[in-house]
Amino acid sequence: VEMPRPGLLVFFLAACLAPAAEGQGQRVSLKSMRCNVRTTFTSNTECTACAAAPRAFCPRGWLKTTQGLGVRNCRYTVKLGENTLSLPGCHHVCKKEIEEKKCCPGFWGTECHECPGGSDNPCSGHGTCLDGIERNGTCICKEQYSGFACQNCRDENRFGPDCQSACDCVHGECDSGVTGNGSCTCYGGYTGPRCDQELPLCQGVLCEANRQCVVKDNAATCDCKPGYRKTGSSCQAEDPCASSPCSPSAVCKVLRPGKYECACKAGFQGDGKICQAINPCVDNNGGCPENSTVCIYKRPGEASCACKLGMSRRTPSSPCSPFPHDCRQYFCDMTSTCAINSHGNPSCVCKEGEIGDGRNCYKDLMGEINQQNLRGRLFRKLNVAKKIWEKGIDRELVMLKRVPSISFIWSLHPKDTLAEQLCRIHIVPGMHLIEDLVKTKTLWTLSGHQLTFNSQVKHPLNQTQMIFTSDTSSGLPQISSPFLQDPLGDLCYIHGEILHCFAVKLLQNCGLPAILDGPGPFTVFVPSNDGVDKLRDGRLIYLFTEGINKLQELVKHHIYTSGAVTVEKLIMMPHLVTMANQVLTINISTDGRILMDESGVPLNMRNIVASNGIIHTLDGIFIPPSIVPILPHRCNEVQHKIVRGSCVDCEALNSSVCPPGSREMVSISDYLLSFSSEG
């Protein structure tokens, strides 16, 4: 390589964050440029009971953005015995901002070093730089270019920006290369644009060592050759490295007068004119095991292996392995278990039948009552209530140990025979927070009674005032005969109600065999007169006349033949299949009412015991989808109108006469009688 002329572009690389590279008394820092991309991710905590939501945690490294109960728009499942329930709950929103490391265009490697030729003109504009955080910054030059930054012409006898022009110097040096103009510097004794003309005046002139003949002022003289400087009477060779022709990260070596060689320093790579830092992490993770370590760039040509997050090594030379005692340092609930998940992080899991996020687990109602009685503010203050609960749930209410509900603890001393009734009065189906109770004002207990709350709440357990609404002065439900021989025949008589009498007539006139006279056990849902009355738009007449098949389907849709289901078991069932082979859904409203069917028909009186089943009354009627529409799509103009006959004494009902032009409807005479206000 010859010593360049003045004006030759000296290229400097740079990258910040990297240690400075020294060269010939200069200190140049390496330029670095990052274009990291920040992405915000959102996630939800697992859905859980709203009462437990305030103590729910976001995963490690995530920020909880919601407060209090969080968001109420989810459902969670809990396995209770043989049943799996889907319940409404709450969850929190978690946020995590992840920064993806990226290099700006024209930069490469984990430290984002500048591409050869500079980020503004990578590869001198004559090639493509392999930039990006996972690449090594190599320049892929176009065909006619060469050099580490594609800064040279591949053919040394070419010149110009496109390296297309050829030098034609005969006895001289050509100004070649990308920045050259093709001019010739003639050797001694020659002249002309191509150095192809001999100087006549130099013929026969002999010069001393390191000198050559030149013509000045039309006279031949001996002058120092290129690369030599006159010192006294002799010509001494110049140092070609004195002008720092190499990269600051390279070493210049003199080969002979006027000739030198550039070599990059250790830790750098290039052709000597241009040197860039070597990043060992770019290739094969720097030789570090990829499954357990990350490569950390330290300085040009040097890197180290560090354990990944959640892993460590016992000695500097031992391999990285997951933290062995993470679960011991992770605070789980006493009853939950801890394990390392697939991401290498500890995770707590509650036992089956409990709810929570693993750090906080909640038992069933009896378990929580026992726990509250053993510690804290309620220490030994629930002894009597605990005994009543244990007594009251021994039989039919045994499932309430696992029913999602809220309980109110009292300080009475009732008789053991009333324990079950007391339990039902003090249980509201569903899970309701104290603030919800105050907002709702009125709740329905498992026994079908109403609880009314005032707005003055000092403490959620023992200072919220509650008022029972009941039909008796004692505030307890009226207890009917424990066994009914006929599950429906005596319903009106036993309870003194006529609102459900029409249900009896439905069974008597639908043409079905006496299915409810069988051994059972059955569960019957009795519709109210008000619910049936909504069918008086022509549908009722049709059902009792032409639509007897649909009437049978409607009646079957109110009968469950797979067992006698008490209200305690009913609220644990997400749905049931009726005798009509139709699905009845079961939900709990915000005020604790048990709602049946997609139309949300409330349950009224509950657990009416018969010898072969259980009866529940409704504030409405179920319409099975299989009979919709009830009325056929006809265009007949026939109209029906129900009119009353003459009012007579009830004992002489047979003497009542229908108005002219009408006929007696024997099958619903009792139904019409219920609308009479006289007699």
Foldseek 3Di string as FASTA:
>chain_A
DFQDDPPPDFDAAAVPPFAWFFAPRDTGHHHAAWDKDKDKDKDKDDWFALVQAQVADDPPQKAWPDHRSADFDAWDWADFPPFIDIATGHITMIMHMDIGIKGDQQFAAQRGTGAPVGRVCALVVFFDFPHMHLDWRATDGDDQFDWRSSQWGPDQQAAALVSPHGAQADAFDFQHTHPGDNFTDHFAQADDRNRPHGDVQCVPDDDDPQWGWDADPNHIDIDGDPQWDDDPNDTHGDDSCPVVQFYSQWDWAADDRRDIAIGGDPLWDTRRSDIDGAFCCSPPQNPEPPVFWHWAGDHRPDIDTDGDPQWDAPDPPGGIDGDPCQVVVDQFPPQWDWDQDPVNHIATDHDRLWIDRRRDIDHFPLVVLVVQCCDDPNPVVQPQQNVLVCLQCPPPNVSNSRFAWDFAGDDDNDDSVCSVQVRQQGTFHHDADQVLCQVVQWAATNQQWIKGWHNDDDDSHDGTDIDTDAPDPVSTHDDFDQADAQPPPCVCVRVVDPQQVVQVLLVVQLPDPPVSNDQFQKEFEGETNVQVVVCVPPLVVCCNPVVSVQSVLQRQQRMAGPAADFSSNVSSDQWGQTSSRAIKGWDADSRRFIFIRPVGWTWHHTQRHYSRHGYIYTHHGDRGPVCPPVDDPDDDPDDDDDDDWDDDPPVPVVPTDRPPPDDDDVSCPVVVVVPDPDD
